């Protein structure tokens, strides 16, 4: 996976001797402008703009982006079964935490996320 970065820096010195610089840094999904000012020997750095919030979805897996943007998502039979099993384990008088733990730990992060969404939609 190739990552490209663009850095453009500008610096200037005013007649009072204060140094200011700004940098435009582009990383995948972000465009950030940062300004740095030397005021009385103190350097202050502030993020001025941040663009590309739509690109934030690229930080997450496809399934997380689909769910967060309320697009329709199809759940597999395994996801439905896991959500039903969690509901069953949580509704019995003495919840079987060992079975619940083994059910969740045996799944991948994607499966746990989808199971959480399915459980939330169905039982909450």
PDB file of N, CA and C in Angstrom:
ATOM      1  N   UNK A   1       0.851  -1.162   0.000  1.00  0.00           N
ATOM      2  CA  UNK A   1       0.000   0.000   0.000  1.00  0.00           C
ATOM      3  C   UNK A   1       0.896   1.224   0.000  1.00  0.00           C
ATOM      4  N   UNK A   2       0.826   2.005  -1.036  1.00  0.00           N
ATOM      5  CA  UNK A   2       1.677   3.178  -1.139  1.00  0.00           C
ATOM      6  C   UNK A   2       1.031   4.369  -0.464  1.00  0.00           C
ATOM      7  N   UNK A   3       1.817   5.136   0.225  1.00  0.00           N
ATOM      8  CA  UNK A   3       1.316   6.330   0.889  1.00  0.00           C
ATOM      9  C   UNK A   3       2.066   7.513   0.311  1.00  0.00           C
ATOM     10  N   UNK A   4       1.322   8.468  -0.195  1.00  0.00           N
ATOM     11  CA  UNK A   4       1.964   9.659  -0.736  1.00  0.00           C
ATOM     12  C   UNK A   4       1.723  10.819   0.199  1.00  0.00           C
ATOM     13  N   UNK A   5       2.709  11.636   0.336  1.00  0.00           N
ATOM     14  CA  UNK A   5       2.562  12.810   1.198  1.00  0.00           C
ATOM     15  C   UNK A   5       3.156  14.010   0.491  1.00  0.00           C
ATOM     16  N   UNK A   6       2.484  15.118   0.601  1.00  0.00           N
ATOM     17  CA  UNK A   6       2.935  16.359   0.001  1.00  0.00           C
ATOM     18  C   UNK A   6       3.138  17.354   1.120  1.00  0.00           C
ATOM     19  N   UNK A   7       4.323  17.907   1.191  1.00  0.00           N
ATOM     20  CA  UNK A   7       4.599  18.903   2.214  1.00  0.00           C
ATOM     21  C   UNK A   7       5.129  20.146   1.521  1.00  0.00           C
ATOM     22  N   UNK A   8       4.476  21.249   1.754  1.00  0.00           N
ATOM     23  CA  UNK A   8       4.891  22.531   1.191  1.00  0.00           C
ATOM     24  C   UNK A   8       5.072  23.487   2.353  1.00  0.00           C
ATOM     25  N   UNK A   9       6.259  24.019   2.509  1.00  0.00           N
ATOM     26  CA  UNK A   9       6.523  24.906   3.632  1.00  0.00           C
ATOM     27  C   UNK A   9       6.900  26.288   3.133  1.00  0.00           C
ATOM     28  N   UNK A  10       6.462  27.288   3.850  1.00  0.00           N
ATOM     29  CA  UNK A  10       6.783  28.674   3.548  1.00  0.00           C
ATOM     30  C   UNK A  10       7.221  29.341   4.842  1.00  0.00           C
ATOM     31  N   UNK A  11       8.243  30.171   4.771  1.00  0.00           N
ATOM     32  CA  UNK A  11       8.697  30.880   5.962  1.00  0.00           C
ATOM     33  C   UNK A  11       8.975  32.325   5.601  1.00  0.00           C
ATOM     34  N   UNK A  12       8.739  33.181   6.547  1.00  0.00           N
ATOM     35  CA  UNK A  12       9.049  34.592   6.339  1.00  0.00           C
ATOM     36  C   UNK A  12       9.474  35.206   7.657  1.00  0.00           C
ATOM     37  N   UNK A  13      10.291  36.233   7.562  1.00  0.00           N
ATOM     38  CA  UNK A  13      10.744  36.943   8.750  1.00  0.00           C
ATOM     39  C   UNK A  13      10.267  38.375   8.620  1.00  0.00           C
ATOM     40  N   UNK A  14       9.549  38.819   9.630  1.00  0.00           N
ATOM     41  CA  UNK A  14       9.035  40.189   9.595  1.00  0.00           C
ATOM     42  C   UNK A  14      10.125  41.150  10.053  1.00  0.00           C
ATOM     43  N   UNK A  15       9.863  42.439   9.920  1.00  0.00           N
ATOM     44  CA  UNK A  15      10.843  43.447  10.317  1.00  0.00           C
ATOM     45  C   UNK A  15      11.100  43.426  11.817  1.00  0.00           C
ATOM     46  N   UNK A  16      10.168  42.882  12.606  1.00  0.00           N
ATOM     47  CA  UNK A  16      10.362  42.818  14.054  1.00  0.00           C
ATOM     48  C   UNK A  16      11.176  41.599  14.467  1.00  0.00           C
ATOM     49  N   UNK A  17      11.459  40.727  13.534  1.00  0.00           N
ATOM     50  CA  UNK A  17      12.257  39.550  13.845  1.00  0.00           C
ATOM     51  C   UNK A  17      11.432  38.322  14.160  1.00  0.00           C
ATOM     52  N   UNK A  18      10.115  38.425  14.150  1.00  0.00           N
ATOM     53  CA  UNK A  18       9.261  37.263  14.415  1.00  0.00           C
ATOM     54  C   UNK A  18       9.256  36.374  13.181  1.00  0.00           C
ATOM     55  N   UNK A  19       9.364  35.109  13.396  1.00  0.00           N
ATOM     56  CA  UNK A  19       9.389  34.149  12.298  1.00  0.00           C
ATOM     57  C   UNK A  19       8.043  33.457  12.241  1.00  0.00           C
ATOM     58  N   UNK A  20       7.491  33.392  11.052  1.00  0.00           N
ATOM     59  CA  UNK A  20       6.256  32.632  10.891  1.00  0.00           C
ATOM     60  C   UNK A  20       6.448  31.679   9.737  1.00  0.00           C
ATOM     61  N   UNK A  21       5.827  30.542   9.848  1.00  0.00           N
ATOM     62  CA  UNK A  21       5.885  29.570   8.760  1.00  0.00           C
ATOM     63  C   UNK A  21       4.560  28.864   8.688  1.00  0.00           C
ATOM     64  N   UNK A  22       4.261  28.357   7.526  1.00  0.00           N
ATOM     65  CA  UNK A  22       3.049  27.558   7.386  1.00  0.00           C
ATOM     66  C   UNK A  22       3.383  26.362   6.538  1.00  0.00           C
ATOM     67  N   UNK A  23       2.679  25.289   6.762  1.00  0.00           N
ATOM     68  CA  UNK A  23       2.918  24.062   6.008  1.00  0.00           C
ATOM     69  C   UNK A  23       1.586  23.478   5.605  1.00  0.00           C
ATOM     70  N   UNK A  24       1.508  23.046   4.378  1.00  0.00           N
ATOM     71  CA  UNK A  24       0.344  22.304   3.906  1.00  0.00           C
ATOM     72  C   UNK A  24       0.764  20.853   3.851  1.00  0.00           C
ATOM     73  N   UNK A  25       0.134  20.038   4.610  1.00  0.00           N
ATOM     74  CA  UNK A  25       0.484  18.627   4.648  1.00  0.00           C
ATOM     75  C   UNK A  25      -0.694  17.833   4.137  1.00  0.00           C
ATOM     76  N   UNK A  26      -0.455  17.023   3.133  1.00  0.00           N
ATOM     77  CA  UNK A  26      -1.514  16.189   2.574  1.00  0.00           C
ATOM     78  C   UNK A  26      -1.158  14.741   2.816  1.00  0.00           C
ATOM     79  N   UNK A  27      -1.989  14.079   3.535  1.00  0.00           N
ATOM     80  CA  UNK A  27      -1.869  12.650   3.728  1.00  0.00           C
ATOM     81  C   UNK A  27      -3.142  12.046   3.195  1.00  0.00           C
ATOM     82  N   UNK A  28      -3.165  10.749   2.972  1.00  0.00           N
ATOM     83  CA  UNK A  28      -4.376  10.151   2.404  1.00  0.00           C
ATOM     84  C   UNK A  28      -5.602  10.505   3.224  1.00  0.00           C
ATOM     85  N   UNK A  29      -6.534  11.205   2.609  1.00  0.00           N
ATOM     86  CA  UNK A  29      -7.789  11.529   3.263  1.00  0.00           C
ATOM     87  C   UNK A  29      -7.806  12.847   4.013  1.00  0.00           C
ATOM     88  N   UNK A  30      -6.679  13.510   4.144  1.00  0.00           N
ATOM     89  CA  UNK A  30      -6.644  14.741   4.909  1.00  0.00           C
ATOM     90  C   UNK A  30      -5.912  15.835   4.155  1.00  0.00           C
ATOM     91  N   UNK A  31      -6.333  17.043   4.336  1.00  0.00           N
ATOM     92  CA  UNK A  31      -5.589  18.221   3.896  1.00  0.00           C
ATOM     93  C   UNK A  31      -5.579  19.162   5.083  1.00  0.00           C
ATOM     94  N   UNK A  32      -4.442  19.339   5.691  1.00  0.00           N
ATOM     95  CA  UNK A  32      -4.344  20.121   6.912  1.00  0.00           C
ATOM     96  C   UNK A  32      -3.379  21.270   6.677  1.00  0.00           C
ATOM     97  N   UNK A  33      -3.773  22.450   7.042  1.00  0.00           N
ATOM     98  CA  UNK A  33      -2.882  23.601   6.990  1.00  0.00           C
ATOM     99  C   UNK A  33      -2.498  23.940   8.417  1.00  0.00           C
ATOM    100  N   UNK A  34      -1.210  24.020   8.677  1.00  0.00           N
ATOM    101  CA  UNK A  34      -0.709  24.298  10.013  1.00  0.00           C
ATOM    102  C   UNK A  34       0.112  25.576   9.954  1.00  0.00           C
ATOM    103  N   UNK A  35      -0.118  26.478  10.872  1.00  0.00           N
ATOM    104  CA  UNK A  35       0.660  27.715  10.938  1.00  0.00           C
ATOM    105  C   UNK A  35       1.440  27.734  12.238  1.00  0.00           C
ATOM    106  N   UNK A  36       2.699  28.138  12.160  1.00  0.00           N
ATOM    107  CA  UNK A  36       3.547  28.226  13.335  1.00  0.00           C
ATOM    108  C   UNK A  36       4.061  29.653  13.444  1.00  0.00           C
ATOM    109  N   UNK A  37       3.948  30.234  14.606  1.00  0.00           N
ATOM    110  CA  UNK A  37       4.380  31.608  14.819  1.00  0.00           C
ATOM    111  C   UNK A  37       5.321  31.655  16.008  1.00  0.00           C
ATOM    112  N   UNK A  38       6.408  32.395  15.869  1.00  0.00           N
ATOM    113  CA  UNK A  38       7.310  32.622  16.995  1.00  0.00           C
ATOM    114  C   UNK A  38       6.967  33.987  17.565  1.00  0.00           C
ATOM    115  N   UNK A  39       6.369  34.000  18.717  1.00  0.00           N
ATOM    116  CA  UNK A  39       5.940  35.248  19.341  1.00  0.00           C
ATOM    117  C   UNK A  39       6.635  35.351  20.685  1.00  0.00           C
ATOM    118  N   UNK A  40       7.519  36.325  20.826  1.00  0.00           N
ATOM    119  CA  UNK A  40       8.237  36.512  22.090  1.00  0.00           C
ATOM    120  C   UNK A  40       9.018  35.275  22.488  1.00  0.00           C
ATOM    121  N   UNK A  41       9.564  34.548  21.551  1.00  0.00           N
ATOM    122  CA  UNK A  41      10.338  33.351  21.837  1.00  0.00           C
ATOM    123  C   UNK A  41       9.490  32.105  22.013  1.00  0.00           C
ATOM    124  N   UNK A  42       8.178  32.236  22.010  1.00  0.00           N
ATOM    125  CA  UNK A  42       7.276  31.100  22.155  1.00  0.00           C
ATOM    126  C   UNK A  42       6.771  30.670  20.798  1.00  0.00           C
ATOM    127  N   UNK A  43       6.789  29.401  20.537  1.00  0.00           N
ATOM    128  CA  UNK A  43       6.282  28.894  19.262  1.00  0.00           C
ATOM    129  C   UNK A  43       4.862  28.386  19.466  1.00  0.00           C
ATOM    130  N   UNK A  44       3.961  28.877  18.667  1.00  0.00           N
ATOM    131  CA  UNK A  44       2.558  28.497  18.769  1.00  0.00           C
ATOM    132  C   UNK A  44       2.176  27.806  17.475  1.00  0.00           C
ATOM    133  N   UNK A  45       1.583  26.654  17.566  1.00  0.00           N
ATOM    134  CA  UNK A  45       1.179  25.912  16.382  1.00  0.00           C
ATOM    135  C   UNK A  45      -0.328  25.721  16.417  1.00  0.00           C
ATOM    136  N   UNK A  46      -0.993  26.024  15.315  1.00  0.00           N
ATOM    137  CA  UNK A  46      -2.453  25.903  15.277  1.00  0.00           C
ATOM    138  C   UNK A  46      -2.879  25.282  13.965  1.00  0.00           C
ATOM    139  N   UNK A  47      -3.778  24.360  14.037  1.00  0.00           N
ATOM    140  CA  UNK A  47      -4.353  23.780  12.818  1.00  0.00           C
ATOM    141  C   UNK A  47      -5.420  24.741  12.328  1.00  0.00           C
ATOM    142  N   UNK A  48      -5.262  25.237  11.116  1.00  0.00           N
ATOM    143  CA  UNK A  48      -6.196  26.230  10.599  1.00  0.00           C
ATOM    144  C   UNK A  48      -7.363  25.601   9.861  1.00  0.00           C
ATOM    145  N   UNK A  49      -7.065  24.645   9.024  1.00  0.00           N
ATOM    146  CA  UNK A  49      -8.159  24.021   8.281  1.00  0.00           C
ATOM    147  C   UNK A  49      -7.940  22.529   8.207  1.00  0.00           C
ATOM    148  N   UNK A  50      -9.013  21.825   8.167  1.00  0.00           N
ATOM    149  CA  UNK A  50      -8.951  20.376   7.999  1.00  0.00           C
ATOM    150  C   UNK A  50     -10.054  20.006   7.026  1.00  0.00           C
ATOM    151  N   UNK A  51      -9.651  19.475   5.882  1.00  0.00           N
ATOM    152  CA  UNK A  51     -10.633  19.132   4.861  1.00  0.00           C
ATOM    153  C   UNK A  51     -10.609  17.637   4.627  1.00  0.00           C
ATOM    154  N   UNK A  52     -11.592  17.185   3.943  1.00  0.00           N
ATOM    155  CA  UNK A  52     -11.635  15.769   3.585  1.00  0.00           C
ATOM    156  C   UNK A  52     -12.321  14.912   4.617  1.00  0.00           C
ATOM    157  N   UNK A  53     -13.315  15.445   5.311  1.00  0.00           N
ATOM    158  CA  UNK A  53     -13.988  14.630   6.316  1.00  0.00           C
ATOM    159  C   UNK A  53     -14.714  13.457   5.688  1.00  0.00           C
ATOM    160  N   UNK A  54     -15.100  13.601   4.443  1.00  0.00           N
ATOM    161  CA  UNK A  54     -15.734  12.470   3.769  1.00  0.00           C
ATOM    162  C   UNK A  54     -14.748  11.334   3.605  1.00  0.00           C
ATOM    163  N   UNK A  55     -13.474  11.669   3.514  1.00  0.00           N
ATOM    164  CA  UNK A  55     -12.447  10.642   3.369  1.00  0.00           C
ATOM    165  C   UNK A  55     -12.189   9.909   4.672  1.00  0.00           C
ATOM    166  N   UNK A  56     -12.775  10.382   5.767  1.00  0.00           N
ATOM    167  CA  UNK A  56     -12.614   9.688   7.042  1.00  0.00           C
ATOM    168  C   UNK A  56     -13.115   8.258   6.950  1.00  0.00           C
ATOM    169  N   UNK A  57     -14.069   8.023   6.084  1.00  0.00           N
ATOM    170  CA  UNK A  57     -14.586   6.673   5.922  1.00  0.00           C
ATOM    171  C   UNK A  57     -13.518   5.692   5.504  1.00  0.00           C
ATOM    172  N   UNK A  58     -12.447   6.174   4.865  1.00  0.00           N
ATOM    173  CA  UNK A  58     -11.389   5.273   4.444  1.00  0.00           C
ATOM    174  C   UNK A  58     -10.580   4.765   5.625  1.00  0.00           C
ATOM    175  N   UNK A  59     -10.721   5.413   6.785  1.00  0.00           N
ATOM    176  CA  UNK A  59     -10.021   4.943   7.970  1.00  0.00           C
ATOM    177  C   UNK A  59     -10.673   3.687   8.533  1.00  0.00           C
ATOM    178  N   UNK A  60     -11.912   3.482   8.207  1.00  0.00           N
ATOM    179  CA  UNK A  60     -12.661   2.361   8.731  1.00  0.00           C
ATOM    180  C   UNK A  60     -12.917   1.356   7.621  1.00  0.00           C
ATOM    181  N   UNK A  61     -13.187   0.169   8.015  1.00  0.00           N
ATOM    182  CA  UNK A  61     -13.507  -0.858   7.028  1.00  0.00           C
ATOM    183  C   UNK A  61     -14.825  -0.521   6.341  1.00  0.00           C
ATOM    184  N   UNK A  62     -15.035  -1.091   5.193  1.00  0.00           N
ATOM    185  CA  UNK A  62     -16.217  -0.815   4.382  1.00  0.00           C
ATOM    186  C   UNK A  62     -17.498  -1.030   5.175  1.00  0.00           C
ATOM    187  N   UNK A  63     -17.592  -2.097   5.935  1.00  0.00           N
ATOM    188  CA  UNK A  63     -18.825  -2.403   6.650  1.00  0.00           C
ATOM    189  C   UNK A  63     -19.134  -1.354   7.702  1.00  0.00           C
ATOM    190  N   UNK A  64     -18.135  -0.807   8.351  1.00  0.00           N
ATOM    191  CA  UNK A  64     -18.373   0.230   9.353  1.00  0.00           C
ATOM    192  C   UNK A  64     -18.873   1.502   8.690  1.00  0.00           C
ATOM    193  N   UNK A  65     -18.310   1.825   7.546  1.00  0.00           N
ATOM    194  CA  UNK A  65     -18.732   3.033   6.822  1.00  0.00           C
ATOM    195  C   UNK A  65     -20.172   2.898   6.342  1.00  0.00           C
ATOM    196  N   UNK A  66     -20.532   1.719   5.842  1.00  0.00           N
ATOM    197  CA  UNK A  66     -21.899   1.508   5.363  1.00  0.00           C
ATOM    198  C   UNK A  66     -22.901   1.682   6.490  1.00  0.00           C
ATOM    199  N   UNK A  67     -22.612   1.099   7.628  1.00  0.00           N
ATOM    200  CA  UNK A  67     -23.546   1.159   8.748  1.00  0.00           C
ATOM    201  C   UNK A  67     -23.635   2.575   9.287  1.00  0.00           C
ATOM    202  N   UNK A  68     -22.491   3.253   9.397  1.00  0.00           N
ATOM    203  CA  UNK A  68     -22.524   4.597   9.965  1.00  0.00           C
ATOM    204  C   UNK A  68     -23.230   5.589   9.062  1.00  0.00           C
ATOM    205  N   UNK A  69     -23.271   5.329   7.774  1.00  0.00           N
ATOM    206  CA  UNK A  69     -23.963   6.248   6.872  1.00  0.00           C
ATOM    207  C   UNK A  69     -25.381   5.766   6.579  1.00  0.00           C
ATOM    208  N   UNK A  70     -25.862   4.806   7.341  1.00  0.00           N
ATOM    209  CA  UNK A  70     -27.217   4.295   7.265  1.00  0.00           C
ATOM    210  C   UNK A  70     -27.573   3.719   5.893  1.00  0.00           C
ATOM    211  N   UNK A  71     -26.594   3.176   5.211  1.00  0.00           N
ATOM    212  CA  UNK A  71     -26.887   2.465   3.981  1.00  0.00           C
ATOM    213  C   UNK A  71     -27.407   1.092   4.376  1.00  0.00           C
ATOM    214  N   UNK A  72     -28.115   0.456   3.477  1.00  0.00           N
ATOM    215  CA  UNK A  72     -28.643  -0.862   3.808  1.00  0.00           C
ATOM    216  C   UNK A  72     -27.492  -1.857   3.864  1.00  0.00           C
ATOM    217  N   UNK A  73     -27.609  -2.779   4.784  1.00  0.00           N
ATOM    218  CA  UNK A  73     -26.580  -3.792   4.938  1.00  0.00           C
ATOM    219  C   UNK A  73     -27.272  -5.129   5.142  1.00  0.00           C
ATOM    220  N   UNK A  74     -26.771  -6.136   4.497  1.00  0.00           N
ATOM    221  CA  UNK A  74     -27.319  -7.479   4.632  1.00  0.00           C
ATOM    222  C   UNK A  74     -26.487  -8.242   5.646  1.00  0.00           C
ATOM    223  N   UNK A  75     -27.158  -8.873   6.589  1.00  0.00           N
ATOM    224  CA  UNK A  75     -26.479  -9.656   7.602  1.00  0.00           C
ATOM    225  C   UNK A  75     -26.514 -11.121   7.202  1.00  0.00           C
ATOM    226  N   UNK A  76     -25.415 -11.799   7.429  1.00  0.00           N
ATOM    227  CA  UNK A  76     -25.350 -13.218   7.101  1.00  0.00           C
ATOM    228  C   UNK A  76     -26.134 -14.023   8.135  1.00  0.00           C
ATOM    229  N   UNK A  77     -26.376 -15.279   7.805  1.00  0.00           N
ATOM    230  CA  UNK A  77     -27.079 -16.171   8.731  1.00  0.00           C
ATOM    231  C   UNK A  77     -26.259 -16.356  10.004  1.00  0.00           C
ATOM    232  N   UNK A  78     -24.930 -16.377   9.878  1.00  0.00           N
ATOM    233  CA  UNK A  78     -24.068 -16.523  11.056  1.00  0.00           C
ATOM    234  C   UNK A  78     -24.201 -15.319  11.988  1.00  0.00           C
ATOM    235  N   UNK A  79     -24.307 -14.126  11.415  1.00  0.00           N
ATOM    236  CA  UNK A  79     -24.470 -12.915  12.217  1.00  0.00           C
ATOM    237  C   UNK A  79     -25.806 -12.937  12.940  1.00  0.00           C
ATOM    238  N   UNK A  80     -26.861 -13.334  12.235  1.00  0.00           N
ATOM    239  CA  UNK A  80     -28.181 -13.446  12.865  1.00  0.00           C
ATOM    240  C   UNK A  80     -28.157 -14.467  13.996  1.00  0.00           C
ATOM    241  N   UNK A  81     -27.519 -15.607  13.749  1.00  0.00           N
ATOM    242  CA  UNK A  81     -27.446 -16.663  14.760  1.00  0.00           C
ATOM    243  C   UNK A  81     -26.664 -16.189  15.985  1.00  0.00           C
ATOM    244  N   UNK A  82     -25.579 -15.463  15.764  1.00  0.00           N
ATOM    245  CA  UNK A  82     -24.778 -14.960  16.883  1.00  0.00           C
ATOM    246  C   UNK A  82     -25.576 -13.951  17.704  1.00  0.00           C
ATOM    247  N   UNK A  83     -26.326 -13.080  17.041  1.00  0.00           N
ATOM    248  CA  UNK A  83     -27.155 -12.104  17.762  1.00  0.00           C
ATOM    249  C   UNK A  83     -28.237 -12.812  18.577  1.00  0.00           C
ATOM    250  N   UNK A  84     -28.856 -13.839  17.998  1.00  0.00           N
ATOM    251  CA  UNK A  84     -29.876 -14.609  18.737  1.00  0.00           C
ATOM    252  C   UNK A  84     -29.258 -15.317  19.936  1.00  0.00           C
ATOM    253  N   UNK A  85     -28.059 -15.865  19.751  1.00  0.00           N
ATOM    254  CA  UNK A  85     -27.377 -16.572  20.836  1.00  0.00           C
ATOM    255  C   UNK A  85     -27.011 -15.609  21.969  1.00  0.00           C
ATOM    256  N   UNK A  86     -26.564 -14.424  21.632  1.00  0.00           N
ATOM    257  CA  UNK A  86     -26.246 -13.418  22.655  1.00  0.00           C
ATOM    258  C   UNK A  86     -27.505 -13.042  23.428  1.00  0.00           C
ATOM    259  N   UNK A  87     -28.602 -12.842  22.721  1.00  0.00           N
ATOM    260  CA  UNK A  87     -29.867 -12.522  23.384  1.00  0.00           C
ATOM    261  C   UNK A  87     -30.286 -13.658  24.314  1.00  0.00           C
ATOM    262  N   UNK A  88     -30.152 -14.891  23.848  1.00  0.00           N
ATOM    263  CA  UNK A  88     -30.516 -16.048  24.669  1.00  0.00           C
ATOM    264  C   UNK A  88     -29.638 -16.121  25.915  1.00  0.00           C
ATOM    265  N   UNK A  89     -28.322 -15.922  25.739  1.00  0.00           N
ATOM    266  CA  UNK A  89     -27.401 -16.006  26.868  1.00  0.00           C
ATOM    267  C   UNK A  89     -27.618 -14.880  27.879  1.00  0.00           C
ATOM    268  N   UNK A  90     -28.074 -13.741  27.408  1.00  0.00           N
ATOM    269  CA  UNK A  90     -28.267 -12.594  28.303  1.00  0.00           C
ATOM    270  C   UNK A  90     -29.623 -12.589  28.992  1.00  0.00           C
ATOM    271  N   UNK A  91     -30.589 -13.345  28.492  1.00  0.00           N
ATOM    272  CA  UNK A  91     -31.927 -13.322  29.083  1.00  0.00           C
ATOM    273  C   UNK A  91     -32.151 -14.423  30.106  1.00  0.00           C
ATOM    274  N   UNK A  92     -31.328 -15.442  30.127  1.00  0.00           N
ATOM    275  CA  UNK A  92     -31.496 -16.493  31.131  1.00  0.00           C
ATOM    276  C   UNK A  92     -31.110 -15.938  32.495  1.00  0.00           C
ATOM    277  N   UNK A  93     -31.668 -16.545  33.549  1.00  0.00           N
ATOM    278  CA  UNK A  93     -31.477 -16.034  34.910  1.00  0.00           C
ATOM    279  C   UNK A  93     -29.999 -15.910  35.274  1.00  0.00           C
ATOM    280  N   UNK A  94     -29.235 -16.926  35.065  1.00  0.00           N
ATOM    281  CA  UNK A  94     -27.800 -16.882  35.361  1.00  0.00           C
ATOM    282  C   UNK A  94     -27.026 -16.814  34.063  1.00  0.00           C
ATOM    283  N   UNK A  95     -26.748 -15.630  33.601  1.00  0.00           N
ATOM    284  CA  UNK A  95     -26.068 -15.460  32.311  1.00  0.00           C
ATOM    285  C   UNK A  95     -24.773 -16.258  32.281  1.00  0.00           C
ATOM    286  N   UNK A  96     -24.583 -16.976  31.200  1.00  0.00           N
ATOM    287  CA  UNK A  96     -23.390 -17.794  31.033  1.00  0.00           C
ATOM    288  C   UNK A  96     -22.297 -16.940  30.394  1.00  0.00           C
ATOM    289  N   UNK A  97     -21.508 -16.287  31.239  1.00  0.00           N
ATOM    290  CA  UNK A  97     -20.472 -15.385  30.742  1.00  0.00           C
ATOM    291  C   UNK A  97     -19.388 -16.122  29.981  1.00  0.00           C
ATOM    292  N   UNK A  98     -19.109 -17.356  30.354  1.00  0.00           N
ATOM    293  CA  UNK A  98     -18.090 -18.136  29.655  1.00  0.00           C
ATOM    294  C   UNK A  98     -18.519 -18.403  28.221  1.00  0.00           C
ATOM    295  N   UNK A  99     -19.776 -18.778  28.034  1.00  0.00           N
ATOM    296  CA  UNK A  99     -20.278 -19.033  26.679  1.00  0.00           C
ATOM    297  C   UNK A  99     -20.315 -17.747  25.864  1.00  0.00           C
ATOM    298  N   UNK A 100     -20.705 -16.657  26.497  1.00  0.00           N
ATOM    299  CA  UNK A 100     -20.747 -15.366  25.812  1.00  0.00           C
ATOM    300  C   UNK A 100     -19.343 -14.932  25.392  1.00  0.00           C
ATOM    301  N   UNK A 101     -18.391 -15.107  26.287  1.00  0.00           N
ATOM    302  CA  UNK A 101     -17.001 -14.756  25.983  1.00  0.00           C
ATOM    303  C   UNK A 101     -16.456 -15.601  24.850  1.00  0.00           C
ATOM    304  N   UNK A 102     -16.697 -16.890  24.897  1.00  0.00           N
ATOM    305  CA  UNK A 102     -16.179 -17.757  23.832  1.00  0.00           C
ATOM    306  C   UNK A 102     -16.839 -17.450  22.495  1.00  0.00           C
ATOM    307  N   UNK A 103     -18.113 -17.082  22.519  1.00  0.00           N
ATOM    308  CA  UNK A 103     -18.811 -16.712  21.284  1.00  0.00           C
ATOM    309  C   UNK A 103     -18.185 -15.467  20.664  1.00  0.00           C
ATOM    310  N   UNK A 104     -17.920 -14.468  21.480  1.00  0.00           N
ATOM    311  CA  UNK A 104     -17.369 -13.213  20.966  1.00  0.00           C
ATOM    312  C   UNK A 104     -15.894 -13.321  20.601  1.00  0.00           C
ATOM    313  N   UNK A 105     -15.120 -14.048  21.384  1.00  0.00           N
ATOM    314  CA  UNK A 105     -13.691 -14.160  21.097  1.00  0.00           C
ATOM    315  C   UNK A 105     -13.391 -15.045  19.898  1.00  0.00           C
ATOM    316  N   UNK A 106     -14.316 -15.917  19.539  1.00  0.00           N
ATOM    317  CA  UNK A 106     -14.084 -16.785  18.382  1.00  0.00           C
ATOM    318  C   UNK A 106     -14.367 -16.065  17.067  1.00  0.00           C
ATOM    319  N   UNK A 107     -14.951 -14.886  17.139  1.00  0.00           N
ATOM    320  CA  UNK A 107     -15.297 -14.121  15.937  1.00  0.00           C
ATOM    321  C   UNK A 107     -14.206 -13.103  15.621  1.00  0.00           C
ATOM    322  N   UNK A 108     -14.146 -12.719  14.358  1.00  0.00           N
ATOM    323  CA  UNK A 108     -13.220 -11.664  13.948  1.00  0.00           C
ATOM    324  C   UNK A 108     -13.789 -10.315  14.371  1.00  0.00           C
ATOM    325  N   UNK A 109     -12.988  -9.286  14.258  1.00  0.00           N
ATOM    326  CA  UNK A 109     -13.452  -7.938  14.600  1.00  0.00           C
ATOM    327  C   UNK A 109     -14.640  -7.542  13.731  1.00  0.00           C
ATOM    328  N   UNK A 110     -14.593  -7.878  12.456  1.00  0.00           N
ATOM    329  CA  UNK A 110     -15.703  -7.561  11.550  1.00  0.00           C
ATOM    330  C   UNK A 110     -16.968  -8.289  11.972  1.00  0.00           C
ATOM    331  N   UNK A 111     -16.840  -9.572  12.313  1.00  0.00           N
ATOM    332  CA  UNK A 111     -18.002 -10.351  12.729  1.00  0.00           C
ATOM    333  C   UNK A 111     -18.598  -9.807  14.026  1.00  0.00           C
ATOM    334  N   UNK A 112     -17.737  -9.419  14.969  1.00  0.00           N
ATOM    335  CA  UNK A 112     -18.240  -8.851  16.230  1.00  0.00           C
ATOM    336  C   UNK A 112     -18.972  -7.541  15.976  1.00  0.00           C
ATOM    337  N   UNK A 113     -18.432  -6.717  15.096  1.00  0.00           N
ATOM    338  CA  UNK A 113     -19.060  -5.434  14.780  1.00  0.00           C
ATOM    339  C   UNK A 113     -20.422  -5.644  14.137  1.00  0.00           C
ATOM    340  N   UNK A 114     -20.499  -6.542  13.170  1.00  0.00           N
ATOM    341  CA  UNK A 114     -21.771  -6.818  12.504  1.00  0.00           C
ATOM    342  C   UNK A 114     -22.776  -7.447  13.471  1.00  0.00           C
ATOM    343  N   UNK A 115     -22.285  -8.310  14.350  1.00  0.00           N
ATOM    344  CA  UNK A 115     -23.159  -8.931  15.348  1.00  0.00           C
ATOM    345  C   UNK A 115     -23.708  -7.869  16.299  1.00  0.00           C
ATOM    346  N   UNK A 116     -22.864  -6.934  16.696  1.00  0.00           N
ATOM    347  CA  UNK A 116     -23.310  -5.846  17.564  1.00  0.00           C
ATOM    348  C   UNK A 116     -24.411  -5.044  16.888  1.00  0.00           C
ATOM    349  N   UNK A 117     -24.195  -4.704  15.603  1.00  0.00           N
ATOM    350  CA  UNK A 117     -25.229  -3.945  14.895  1.00  0.00           C
ATOM    351  C   UNK A 117     -26.515  -4.749  14.767  1.00  0.00           C
ATOM    352  N   UNK A 118     -26.406  -6.020  14.433  1.00  0.00           N
ATOM    353  CA  UNK A 118     -27.597  -6.862  14.272  1.00  0.00           C
ATOM    354  C   UNK A 118     -28.345  -6.978  15.596  1.00  0.00           C
ATOM    355  N   UNK A 119     -27.611  -7.166  16.678  1.00  0.00           N
ATOM    356  CA  UNK A 119     -28.226  -7.259  18.002  1.00  0.00           C
ATOM    357  C   UNK A 119     -28.931  -5.949  18.346  1.00  0.00           C
ATOM    358  N   UNK A 120     -28.266  -4.844  18.077  1.00  0.00           N
ATOM    359  CA  UNK A 120     -28.836  -3.530  18.384  1.00  0.00           C
ATOM    360  C   UNK A 120     -30.112  -3.282  17.590  1.00  0.00           C
ATOM    361  N   UNK A 121     -30.110  -3.626  16.323  1.00  0.00           N
ATOM    362  CA  UNK A 121     -31.286  -3.430  15.474  1.00  0.00           C
ATOM    363  C   UNK A 121     -32.432  -4.334  15.917  1.00  0.00           C
ATOM    364  N   UNK A 122     -32.119  -5.569  16.232  1.00  0.00           N
ATOM    365  CA  UNK A 122     -33.148  -6.561  16.526  1.00  0.00           C
ATOM    366  C   UNK A 122     -33.693  -6.464  17.948  1.00  0.00           C
ATOM    367  N   UNK A 123     -32.819  -6.262  18.924  1.00  0.00           N
ATOM    368  CA  UNK A 123     -33.243  -6.394  20.318  1.00  0.00           C
ATOM    369  C   UNK A 123     -33.256  -5.099  21.117  1.00  0.00           C
ATOM    370  N   UNK A 124     -32.846  -4.009  20.561  1.00  0.00           N
ATOM    371  CA  UNK A 124     -32.826  -2.760  21.338  1.00  0.00           C
ATOM    372  C   UNK A 124     -33.825  -1.782  20.821  1.00  0.00           C
TER     373      UNK A 124
END
